[in-house]
Each structure stands twice: as structure tokens, then as C-alpha cells.
Amino acid sequence: MSEQFLSVRDAIIQRRSIKKFNGQPVDREDLLEIIDDAVWAPNHGNREPWRLVVACGKELFMLHDLLRDVTVPKWQELSNEDLAKQMTKFTLAGGYAFIIVPEDARQKERLEDYAAASIFIQNIQLLAWDRGIGSCWKTPAFLDQPKFREALKVQPGERVIAMLQVGYFDEVPKGKERKKSQDIVTIFGQ
């Protein structure tokens, strides 16, 4: 894949959350290179409060089985066609990254770690976009299910804060209007 090298501004403004992937797999090396660059996210005390569980390639099939088991009630009773329809939201992504952070008992550190990990996730999304790889940051309830946590080897004192789907796409969703500074900024003293 050819590198695009978007400006930071262009990457921020042009990036979209991709929900309709085309099923093309994401190469593990591409995703790992993106992660290697994304770790330059600012973080308090240089704690780098994140770790990831990544699925690309053959392990996607095992992940799809897990996602089916935790998200589709009574899936065994469905026809193959109905099950495939329900699973499309998972099976068309070309890869996954689950972001895990420590749950520090100290509120300040816990909030700092969550904020830093959020910046790290955005870095992944922007760097992926620059390579023509879309992403969608999701926070489904099943991330906290014991069976799911166990499969990802999430330890006590850790929390999965995001399921990041990555993949290639055929259409870029239209951007939605965003608030302007005049709508969100109050000048101190006025």
C-alpha cells in the first residue's frame, strides 16, 4: 500500500468512523507499525498506561467465534444465513485492537490514564487513516463480560476501554457539521 502522508490538519478533518468495511484483511505488520507510532501520545508521567490485544489474520476466526458467543443470543438456533447477517458487523472488519488500561485506585491517575489512552486511540485512528485504513472506536457492553475479559486475558485491576475495528472500505461517509469555537469557548473574564 502506498503511503499517503496527510497533513495533521487533513488527517483530523478528513478522518471518518468507518462502519462498513469491505472485508479486506489488514496486514498485521501494518497495524503494528501504526501502533509503534501511536505510542507517542502524550501521557502523564510517561506511564504509557495501555496494552492491546490485537487480532489480524487467522486469529480473526477465533475472535469471531468469541464475538458470536457473547453477542448473539441463541445463535445455535439461527440459520447460517441469519447468523451471518448478525455477524456482518464483526466479520467485515479487517482487524481488531482491544485497548486495556489499568484501573488505578487513585482517581487522578485513573482519569489521566484514561485520557492518555484516548489520545493513543485517536493516534491509531489518524495514522491508520493516513494509510487508507479506516477504523471505528466502539465501547460495547460485552467488553466487561467475564467470558470476554477471560478470553482477552484481562487481569484484575484492568479494564478494556475500547474495541477498535480497523479495515479497508469502499466509501467514505459524509462528514457531519461540527461546533465552531464561538459555540464552545468562553473567554475568561467575560
Protein backbone atom coordinates (compact mmCIF):
# COMPACT_ATOMS: atom_id res chain seq x y z
CA MET A 1 0.00 0.00 0.00
CA SER A 2 1.37 3.42 -0.87
CA GLU A 3 1.78 5.89 1.95
CA GLN A 4 -0.36 9.00 1.80
CA PHE A 5 1.31 11.39 4.25
CA LEU A 6 -1.62 13.65 5.05
CA SER A 7 -1.03 16.84 6.97
CA VAL A 8 -2.09 16.62 10.61
CA ARG A 9 -4.96 19.01 9.90
CA ASP A 10 -6.14 17.00 6.90
CA ALA A 11 -5.98 13.72 8.83
CA ILE A 12 -8.04 15.22 11.69
CA ILE A 13 -10.65 16.84 9.48
CA GLN A 14 -10.93 14.12 6.82
CA ARG A 15 -10.94 11.04 9.08
CA ARG A 16 -14.30 9.33 9.45
CA SER A 17 -15.52 6.48 11.58
CA ILE A 18 -15.90 3.58 9.20
CA LYS A 19 -18.72 1.19 9.98
CA LYS A 20 -18.96 -0.51 6.58
CA PHE A 21 -15.73 -2.34 5.93
CA ASN A 22 -15.21 -4.29 2.71
CA GLY A 23 -13.76 -7.45 4.28
CA GLN A 24 -10.17 -6.97 3.05
CA PRO A 25 -7.76 -8.08 5.80
CA VAL A 26 -5.37 -5.64 7.43
CA ASP A 27 -1.78 -6.84 7.45
CA ARG A 28 -0.50 -7.40 10.98
CA GLU A 29 2.76 -5.59 10.23
CA ASP A 30 0.85 -2.51 9.06
CA LEU A 31 -1.21 -2.46 12.25
CA LEU A 32 1.86 -2.99 14.46
CA GLU A 33 3.71 -0.16 12.69
CA ILE A 34 0.73 2.12 13.30
CA ILE A 35 0.73 1.15 16.99
CA ASP A 36 4.50 1.71 17.22
CA ASP A 37 3.97 5.31 16.07
CA ALA A 38 0.77 5.87 18.08
CA VAL A 39 2.57 5.28 21.40
CA TRP A 40 3.97 8.80 21.11
CA ALA A 41 0.69 10.03 22.58
CA PRO A 42 1.21 12.41 25.49
CA ASN A 43 0.71 10.66 28.81
CA HIS A 44 1.18 11.73 32.39
CA GLY A 45 4.49 10.70 33.92
CA ASN A 46 5.28 8.74 30.74
CA ARG A 47 3.30 5.84 32.25
CA GLU A 48 2.10 4.67 28.83
CA PRO A 49 -0.97 3.22 30.54
CA TRP A 50 -2.15 0.87 27.82
CA ARG A 51 -1.76 -2.54 26.40
CA LEU A 52 -3.52 -4.08 23.44
CA VAL A 53 -4.90 -7.38 22.30
CA VAL A 54 -4.75 -7.42 18.50
CA ALA A 55 -6.41 -9.78 16.04
CA CYS A 56 -5.47 -9.83 12.35
CA GLY A 57 -5.30 -12.79 10.03
CA LYS A 58 -6.12 -16.32 11.11
CA GLU A 59 -6.94 -15.43 14.71
CA LEU A 60 -9.87 -13.33 13.44
CA PHE A 61 -11.86 -16.55 13.09
CA MET A 62 -11.37 -17.36 16.78
CA LEU A 63 -12.32 -13.78 17.67
CA HIS A 64 -15.45 -14.03 15.50
CA ASP A 65 -16.44 -17.16 17.44
CA LEU A 66 -15.98 -15.33 20.72
CA LEU A 67 -17.94 -12.31 19.49
CA ARG A 68 -20.72 -14.61 18.30
CA ASP A 69 -20.85 -16.35 21.66
CA VAL A 70 -21.08 -13.13 23.69
CA THR A 71 -23.26 -11.03 21.37
CA VAL A 72 -25.75 -13.30 19.60
CA PRO A 73 -28.21 -14.95 21.99
CA LYS A 74 -29.20 -18.48 20.99
CA TRP A 75 -27.03 -18.32 17.89
CA GLN A 76 -27.17 -22.09 17.58
CA GLU A 77 -30.88 -21.81 16.75
CA LEU A 78 -30.32 -19.41 13.84
CA SER A 79 -29.93 -20.42 10.23
CA ASN A 80 -26.43 -19.95 8.80
CA GLU A 81 -27.78 -17.06 6.73
CA ASP A 82 -29.37 -15.26 9.70
CA LEU A 83 -26.27 -15.78 11.81
CA ALA A 84 -24.04 -14.44 9.02
CA LYS A 85 -26.24 -11.32 8.78
CA GLN A 86 -25.98 -10.69 12.51
CA MET A 87 -22.22 -11.22 12.45
CA THR A 88 -21.52 -8.92 9.48
CA LYS A 89 -20.82 -6.00 11.83
CA PHE A 90 -17.89 -8.06 13.16
CA THR A 91 -16.73 -10.15 10.22
CA LEU A 92 -16.12 -7.40 7.65
CA ALA A 93 -13.53 -5.55 9.74
CA GLY A 94 -10.01 -6.47 8.63
CA GLY A 95 -8.58 -6.42 12.14
CA TYR A 96 -9.19 -5.52 15.76
CA ALA A 97 -7.38 -3.85 18.62
CA PHE A 98 -8.75 -4.01 22.14
CA ILE A 99 -7.27 -1.30 24.34
CA ILE A 100 -6.75 -2.18 28.00
CA VAL A 101 -5.81 0.25 30.76
CA PRO A 102 -5.02 -0.13 34.45
CA GLU A 103 -7.78 0.85 36.84
CA ASP A 104 -5.69 2.82 39.30
CA ALA A 105 -7.40 3.18 42.68
CA ARG A 106 -6.33 6.82 42.72
CA GLN A 107 -8.93 8.87 40.86
CA LYS A 108 -6.50 11.43 39.43
CA GLU A 109 -4.20 8.78 37.96
CA ARG A 110 -7.15 6.72 36.68
CA LEU A 111 -8.54 9.76 34.83
CA GLU A 112 -5.09 10.69 33.50
CA ASP A 113 -4.58 7.14 32.23
CA TYR A 114 -7.98 7.07 30.53
CA ALA A 115 -7.30 10.44 28.89
CA ALA A 116 -3.87 9.32 27.69
CA ALA A 117 -5.24 6.06 26.31
CA SER A 118 -7.94 8.01 24.49
CA ILE A 119 -5.27 10.14 22.82
CA PHE A 120 -3.37 6.94 21.96
CA ILE A 121 -6.53 5.54 20.33
CA GLN A 122 -7.01 8.70 18.29
CA ASN A 123 -3.38 8.48 17.18
CA ILE A 124 -4.04 4.95 15.94
CA GLN A 125 -7.10 6.14 14.06
CA LEU A 126 -5.30 9.08 12.43
CA LEU A 127 -2.24 7.04 11.49
CA ALA A 128 -4.43 4.28 10.05
CA TRP A 129 -6.40 6.84 8.05
CA ASP A 130 -3.16 8.17 6.62
CA ARG A 131 -2.51 4.65 5.27
CA GLY A 132 -6.00 4.30 3.82
CA ILE A 133 -7.19 2.09 6.68
CA GLY A 134 -10.46 3.02 8.32
CA SER A 135 -11.38 2.49 11.94
CA CYS A 136 -14.28 2.67 14.32
CA TRP A 137 -13.87 3.11 18.08
CA LYS A 138 -16.59 1.19 19.93
CA THR A 139 -17.38 0.64 23.59
CA PRO A 140 -19.89 -2.22 23.66
CA ALA A 141 -21.15 -3.53 27.00
CA PHE A 142 -19.74 -7.01 26.33
CA LEU A 143 -16.20 -5.68 26.92
CA ASP A 144 -16.93 -6.12 30.64
CA GLN A 145 -18.39 -9.63 30.40
CA PRO A 146 -16.29 -12.15 32.35
CA LYS A 147 -16.09 -14.61 29.41
CA PHE A 148 -14.85 -11.86 27.12
CA ARG A 149 -12.35 -10.50 29.68
CA GLU A 150 -11.02 -14.01 30.26
CA ALA A 151 -10.54 -14.63 26.54
CA LEU A 152 -8.53 -11.39 26.26
CA LYS A 153 -6.58 -12.30 29.43
CA VAL A 154 -7.66 -9.09 31.15
CA GLN A 155 -6.29 -9.07 34.67
CA PRO A 156 -7.97 -7.86 37.86
CA GLY A 157 -7.30 -4.13 38.09
CA GLU A 158 -7.51 -3.70 34.30
CA ARG A 159 -10.33 -2.52 32.07
CA VAL A 160 -10.99 -2.87 28.36
CA ILE A 161 -11.90 0.65 27.31
CA ALA A 162 -12.25 0.20 23.57
CA MET A 163 -12.82 -2.18 20.74
CA LEU A 164 -11.15 -0.61 17.73
CA GLN A 165 -12.21 -2.16 14.45
CA VAL A 166 -9.86 -1.48 11.54
CA GLY A 167 -10.17 -2.25 7.88
CA TYR A 168 -10.45 -1.16 4.32
CA PHE A 169 -13.56 0.46 2.89
CA ASP A 170 -15.11 1.40 -0.41
CA GLU A 171 -17.00 4.54 0.61
CA VAL A 172 -16.10 7.44 2.90
CA PRO A 173 -19.10 8.54 4.95
CA LYS A 174 -20.06 12.16 4.62
CA GLY A 175 -18.75 14.33 7.44
CA LYS A 176 -21.19 15.87 9.90
CA GLU A 177 -21.03 19.52 10.81
CA ARG A 178 -19.10 20.25 13.99
CA LYS A 179 -19.49 23.02 16.51
CA LYS A 180 -17.37 26.13 15.96
CA SER A 181 -15.21 27.80 18.58
CA GLN A 182 -17.86 30.51 19.08
CA ASP A 183 -20.23 27.79 20.30
CA ILE A 184 -17.89 26.10 22.77
CA VAL A 185 -15.46 28.77 24.03
CA THR A 186 -15.98 31.24 26.83
CA ILE A 187 -13.35 33.94 27.12
CA PHE A 188 -12.08 34.18 30.68
CA GLY A 189 -13.39 37.25 32.46
CA GLN A 190 -16.23 37.92 30.03
